[in-house]
Amino acid sequence: MQKTSLTVAAVLLAAAPLFAADAKPKIETGTVTVKTTIEAIDHAARTVTLKDKDGNYETLTAGPEIKRFDELKVGDKVSFKYTESVAVRIRKPGDPVQANSDGQPAIVRGATEKPSGTMTQQVTASVTVKAVDTKNSSITFMGEDGHSVSVRVEDKSLVKNVHPGDKVEITYTNALLVAVE
């Protein structure tokens, strides 16, 4: 497992109130939707400048995987719906754990009249709990690459069900739906 995956796992563990004594995964999900208008298009550079409802501008570059780029027009309304979730499961010593995966993004083009598509990615990591400090509400865990990370858990009651030797499976999924309306 890469160090960056372990760092992501640390952030997710510290932020999400997901620890439990049972083997069921605890899942937290969040979604953000942003609606924008195309203000400018540079066909040569394959960039699009978008403006949101608050008047903020953002210029994005469309890579070669964006097949319908030339169909975009100034004034088109574009919505972005971003969803991410994290599932955490505590495994006691001897319980089987899922293999780590650094999933590659999957892109699916929409079959609608106007350009659209989704990109999804899922990463799974298993880390081993090395130490639990109930006084300071922190957990130290180690990834398969040997890197250790200590994180503070906001809710002290959440660390009481986690013990050294436990495995923590973390599955992080994100998805982006982009559609011209």
Foldseek 3Di string as FASTA:
>chain_A
DDPVVVVVVQVVQQPDLWFDQDQFWRKDKDKDKWKWFFADADVVQQKTWIATPVGDIDIDHDDPVQPCSVVDDGGWMKMKMKMKMKIKGKAAAPDDDDDWDFFDWDKDWDPDPFTKIKIKTKTKFKWFWAAADLVQQKTWIAGPVGDIDIHHHPDSVRRPSDHGGIMMMMMMMMMMIMTGD
